[in-house]
Amino acid sequence: SHASTARCLTDAHPGLRKPRFSAALGFISSAMSAPWWDSDWKDRSGVEYRTYVGNLSWSTDERLLKDAFHAYRPLSAEIVTDRETGRSRGFGFVNFDDDNSMNNAIQGMDGQELGGRTISVSQANQRPRCWRA
């Protein structure tokens, strides 16, 4: 059985971590690297003040996006890119320090023009509680 194999492995080699068992994946050896959902995860329990910015032009980069929101004191901005091509997917996120700055940015920037396009700005959905570092 998997349980007895796990006991034997860890008894014979005390330095080994106990193997895990997943119903979906079957027995996972401790020698294997940890799966994506079990490695380097950090708790993300704090409140995020994050806006979604849609309809961005392909030429908009993170610096231009952050500069466009400068009046609202953004902490950072990120453009979501295609994993394979590296090209912008036409949307991004801007992070703020507090709720007031975020709400003012939504009211002030939604419907404004950036890079020749009318952008849409709204409060982003909260990301999952845990995320990979």
C-alpha atoms as a PDB file:
ATOM      1  CA  SER A   1       0.000   0.000   0.000  1.00  0.00           C
ATOM      2  CA  HIS A   2       1.035   3.604  -0.484  1.00  0.00           C
ATOM      3  CA  ALA A   3       0.942   4.341   3.244  1.00  0.00           C
ATOM      4  CA  SER A   4       3.303   1.482   4.116  1.00  0.00           C
ATOM      5  CA  THR A   5       5.671   2.500   1.295  1.00  0.00           C
ATOM      6  CA  ALA A   6       5.686   6.043   2.650  1.00  0.00           C
ATOM      7  CA  ARG A   7       6.452   4.799   6.164  1.00  0.00           C
ATOM      8  CA  CYS A   8       9.301   2.593   4.902  1.00  0.00           C
ATOM      9  CA  LEU A   9      10.862   5.387   2.857  1.00  0.00           C
ATOM     10  CA  THR A  10      10.832   7.890   5.694  1.00  0.00           C
ATOM     11  CA  ASP A  11      11.957   5.327   8.312  1.00  0.00           C
ATOM     12  CA  ALA A  12      14.930   4.238   6.194  1.00  0.00           C
ATOM     13  CA  HIS A  13      15.845   7.792   5.201  1.00  0.00           C
ATOM     14  CA  PRO A  14      14.923  10.257   7.950  1.00  0.00           C
ATOM     15  CA  GLY A  15      15.958  13.214   5.768  1.00  0.00           C
ATOM     16  CA  LEU A  16      13.191  12.506   3.251  1.00  0.00           C
ATOM     17  CA  ARG A  17       9.934  14.367   3.518  1.00  0.00           C
ATOM     18  CA  LYS A  18       6.861  12.224   3.808  1.00  0.00           C
ATOM     19  CA  PRO A  19       5.398  11.477   0.382  1.00  0.00           C
ATOM     20  CA  ARG A  20       1.980  12.865  -0.354  1.00  0.00           C
ATOM     21  CA  PHE A  21      -1.009  11.138  -1.845  1.00  0.00           C
ATOM     22  CA  SER A  22      -3.447  12.833  -4.158  1.00  0.00           C
ATOM     23  CA  ALA A  23      -6.662  11.150  -5.238  1.00  0.00           C
ATOM     24  CA  ALA A  24      -6.512  12.976  -8.565  1.00  0.00           C
ATOM     25  CA  LEU A  25      -2.861  12.297  -9.335  1.00  0.00           C
ATOM     26  CA  GLY A  26      -2.153   9.133  -7.399  1.00  0.00           C
ATOM     27  CA  PHE A  27       0.946   8.599  -5.298  1.00  0.00           C
ATOM     28  CA  ILE A  28       3.440  11.484  -5.425  1.00  0.00           C
ATOM     29  CA  SER A  29       6.992  10.622  -4.422  1.00  0.00           C
ATOM     30  CA  SER A  30       8.854  12.933  -2.062  1.00  0.00           C
ATOM     31  CA  ALA A  31      11.755  12.890  -4.514  1.00  0.00           C
ATOM     32  CA  MET A  32       9.580  14.719  -7.042  1.00  0.00           C
ATOM     33  CA  SER A  33       9.356  18.482  -6.922  1.00  0.00           C
ATOM     34  CA  ALA A  34       6.305  19.812  -5.194  1.00  0.00           C
ATOM     35  CA  PRO A  35       3.302  20.464  -7.446  1.00  0.00           C
ATOM     36  CA  TRP A  36       2.426  24.057  -8.346  1.00  0.00           C
ATOM     37  CA  TRP A  37      -0.286  24.280  -5.687  1.00  0.00           C
ATOM     38  CA  ASP A  38       2.040  23.179  -2.889  1.00  0.00           C
ATOM     39  CA  SER A  39       5.278  25.089  -3.473  1.00  0.00           C
ATOM     40  CA  ASP A  40       6.383  28.581  -2.544  1.00  0.00           C
ATOM     41  CA  TRP A  41       2.885  29.731  -1.717  1.00  0.00           C
ATOM     42  CA  LYS A  42       2.343  32.800   0.359  1.00  0.00           C
ATOM     43  CA  ASP A  43      -0.749  33.840   2.238  1.00  0.00           C
ATOM     44  CA  ARG A  44      -2.461  36.781   0.537  1.00  0.00           C
ATOM     45  CA  SER A  45      -4.896  37.821   3.228  1.00  0.00           C
ATOM     46  CA  GLY A  46      -4.454  41.606   2.992  1.00  0.00           C
ATOM     47  CA  VAL A  47      -6.879  43.876   1.172  1.00  0.00           C
ATOM     48  CA  GLU A  48      -5.856  44.862  -2.343  1.00  0.00           C
ATOM     49  CA  TYR A  49      -6.645  48.196  -3.904  1.00  0.00           C
ATOM     50  CA  ARG A  50      -6.356  47.107  -7.505  1.00  0.00           C
ATOM     51  CA  THR A  51      -8.028  48.361 -10.670  1.00  0.00           C
ATOM     52  CA  TYR A  52      -8.597  46.553 -13.927  1.00  0.00           C
ATOM     53  CA  VAL A  53      -7.794  48.675 -16.980  1.00  0.00           C
ATOM     54  CA  GLY A  54      -9.218  47.373 -20.256  1.00  0.00           C
ATOM     55  CA  ASN A  55      -9.061  48.299 -23.944  1.00  0.00           C
ATOM     56  CA  LEU A  56      -5.389  49.269 -23.826  1.00  0.00           C
ATOM     57  CA  SER A  57      -3.530  49.793 -27.089  1.00  0.00           C
ATOM     58  CA  TRP A  58      -0.831  47.266 -27.969  1.00  0.00           C
ATOM     59  CA  SER A  59       1.831  49.974 -27.551  1.00  0.00           C
ATOM     60  CA  THR A  60       0.919  50.804 -23.931  1.00  0.00           C
ATOM     61  CA  ASP A  61       3.625  49.646 -21.539  1.00  0.00           C
ATOM     62  CA  GLU A  62       3.703  49.555 -17.730  1.00  0.00           C
ATOM     63  CA  ARG A  63       5.473  52.891 -17.415  1.00  0.00           C
ATOM     64  CA  LEU A  64       2.939  54.666 -19.633  1.00  0.00           C
ATOM     65  CA  LEU A  65       0.055  53.059 -17.731  1.00  0.00           C
ATOM     66  CA  LYS A  66       1.453  54.106 -14.343  1.00  0.00           C
ATOM     67  CA  ASP A  67       2.189  57.621 -15.635  1.00  0.00           C
ATOM     68  CA  ALA A  68      -1.406  57.962 -16.891  1.00  0.00           C
ATOM     69  CA  PHE A  69      -2.628  57.355 -13.313  1.00  0.00           C
ATOM     70  CA  HIS A  70       0.031  59.567 -11.650  1.00  0.00           C
ATOM     71  CA  ALA A  71      -2.550  61.988 -10.179  1.00  0.00           C
ATOM     72  CA  TYR A  72      -3.993  59.115  -8.108  1.00  0.00           C
ATOM     73  CA  ARG A  73      -0.662  57.962  -6.601  1.00  0.00           C
ATOM     74  CA  PRO A  74      -0.410  54.427  -8.037  1.00  0.00           C
ATOM     75  CA  LEU A  75       1.989  51.991  -6.369  1.00  0.00           C
ATOM     76  CA  SER A  76       2.548  49.949  -9.505  1.00  0.00           C
ATOM     77  CA  ALA A  77       1.099  48.997 -12.864  1.00  0.00           C
ATOM     78  CA  GLU A  78       1.299  45.813 -14.886  1.00  0.00           C
ATOM     79  CA  ILE A  79       0.329  44.919 -18.426  1.00  0.00           C
ATOM     80  CA  VAL A  80      -0.850  41.359 -19.007  1.00  0.00           C
ATOM     81  CA  THR A  81       1.064  39.775 -21.868  1.00  0.00           C
ATOM     82  CA  ASP A  82       0.604  36.654 -23.938  1.00  0.00           C
ATOM     83  CA  ARG A  83       2.834  33.907 -22.588  1.00  0.00           C
ATOM     84  CA  GLU A  84       3.947  32.690 -26.007  1.00  0.00           C
ATOM     85  CA  THR A  85       4.342  35.916 -27.992  1.00  0.00           C
ATOM     86  CA  GLY A  86       5.128  38.381 -25.196  1.00  0.00           C
ATOM     87  CA  ARG A  87       2.661  40.809 -26.778  1.00  0.00           C
ATOM     88  CA  SER A  88       0.157  42.791 -24.706  1.00  0.00           C
ATOM     89  CA  ARG A  89      -3.267  41.211 -24.299  1.00  0.00           C
ATOM     90  CA  GLY A  90      -4.877  44.663 -24.176  1.00  0.00           C
ATOM     91  CA  PHE A  91      -5.511  44.948 -20.452  1.00  0.00           C
ATOM     92  CA  GLY A  92      -3.639  45.509 -17.240  1.00  0.00           C
ATOM     93  CA  PHE A  93      -3.869  46.379 -13.570  1.00  0.00           C
ATOM     94  CA  VAL A  94      -2.933  49.386 -11.452  1.00  0.00           C
ATOM     95  CA  ASN A  95      -2.362  49.004  -7.705  1.00  0.00           C
ATOM     96  CA  PHE A  96      -3.020  51.699  -5.117  1.00  0.00           C
ATOM     97  CA  ASP A  97      -2.187  52.235  -1.469  1.00  0.00           C
ATOM     98  CA  ASP A  98      -5.714  52.928  -0.271  1.00  0.00           C
ATOM     99  CA  ASP A  99      -9.388  52.700  -1.147  1.00  0.00           C
ATOM    100  CA  ASN A 100      -9.779  56.447  -1.680  1.00  0.00           C
ATOM    101  CA  SER A 101      -7.011  56.620  -4.317  1.00  0.00           C
ATOM    102  CA  MET A 102      -8.416  53.578  -6.094  1.00  0.00           C
ATOM    103  CA  ASN A 103     -11.990  54.924  -6.204  1.00  0.00           C
ATOM    104  CA  ASN A 104     -10.835  58.360  -7.362  1.00  0.00           C
ATOM    105  CA  ALA A 105      -8.810  56.723 -10.143  1.00  0.00           C
ATOM    106  CA  ILE A 106     -11.830  54.682 -11.267  1.00  0.00           C
ATOM    107  CA  GLN A 107     -14.033  57.778 -11.379  1.00  0.00           C
ATOM    108  CA  GLY A 108     -11.406  59.954 -13.018  1.00  0.00           C
ATOM    109  CA  MET A 109      -9.953  57.558 -15.578  1.00  0.00           C
ATOM    110  CA  ASP A 110     -12.886  55.390 -16.728  1.00  0.00           C
ATOM    111  CA  GLY A 111     -13.772  56.455 -20.271  1.00  0.00           C
ATOM    112  CA  GLN A 112     -10.600  58.516 -20.774  1.00  0.00           C
ATOM    113  CA  GLU A 113      -8.349  58.171 -23.800  1.00  0.00           C
ATOM    114  CA  LEU A 114      -4.950  56.496 -23.497  1.00  0.00           C
ATOM    115  CA  GLY A 115      -2.808  55.653 -26.501  1.00  0.00           C
ATOM    116  CA  GLY A 116      -5.609  56.565 -28.895  1.00  0.00           C
ATOM    117  CA  ARG A 117      -8.160  54.262 -27.252  1.00  0.00           C
ATOM    118  CA  THR A 118     -10.937  54.809 -24.728  1.00  0.00           C
ATOM    119  CA  ILE A 119     -10.025  52.768 -21.656  1.00  0.00           C
ATOM    120  CA  SER A 120     -12.353  51.140 -19.176  1.00  0.00           C
ATOM    121  CA  VAL A 121     -11.340  51.222 -15.510  1.00  0.00           C
ATOM    122  CA  SER A 122     -13.044  49.249 -12.742  1.00  0.00           C
ATOM    123  CA  GLN A 123     -12.225  47.607  -9.446  1.00  0.00           C
ATOM    124  CA  ALA A 124     -10.411  44.334 -10.112  1.00  0.00           C
ATOM    125  CA  ASN A 125     -11.691  41.076  -8.684  1.00  0.00           C
ATOM    126  CA  GLN A 126      -9.834  40.015  -5.557  1.00  0.00           C
ATOM    127  CA  ARG A 127      -7.113  37.492  -6.406  1.00  0.00           C
ATOM    128  CA  PRO A 128      -7.226  34.072  -4.739  1.00  0.00           C
ATOM    129  CA  ARG A 129      -6.198  34.020  -1.082  1.00  0.00           C
ATOM    130  CA  CYS A 130      -3.006  32.095  -1.850  1.00  0.00           C
ATOM    131  CA  TRP A 131      -0.686  32.785  -4.740  1.00  0.00           C
ATOM    132  CA  ARG A 132       2.583  31.526  -6.016  1.00  0.00           C
ATOM    133  CA  ALA A 133       5.629  33.663  -5.333  1.00  0.00           C
END
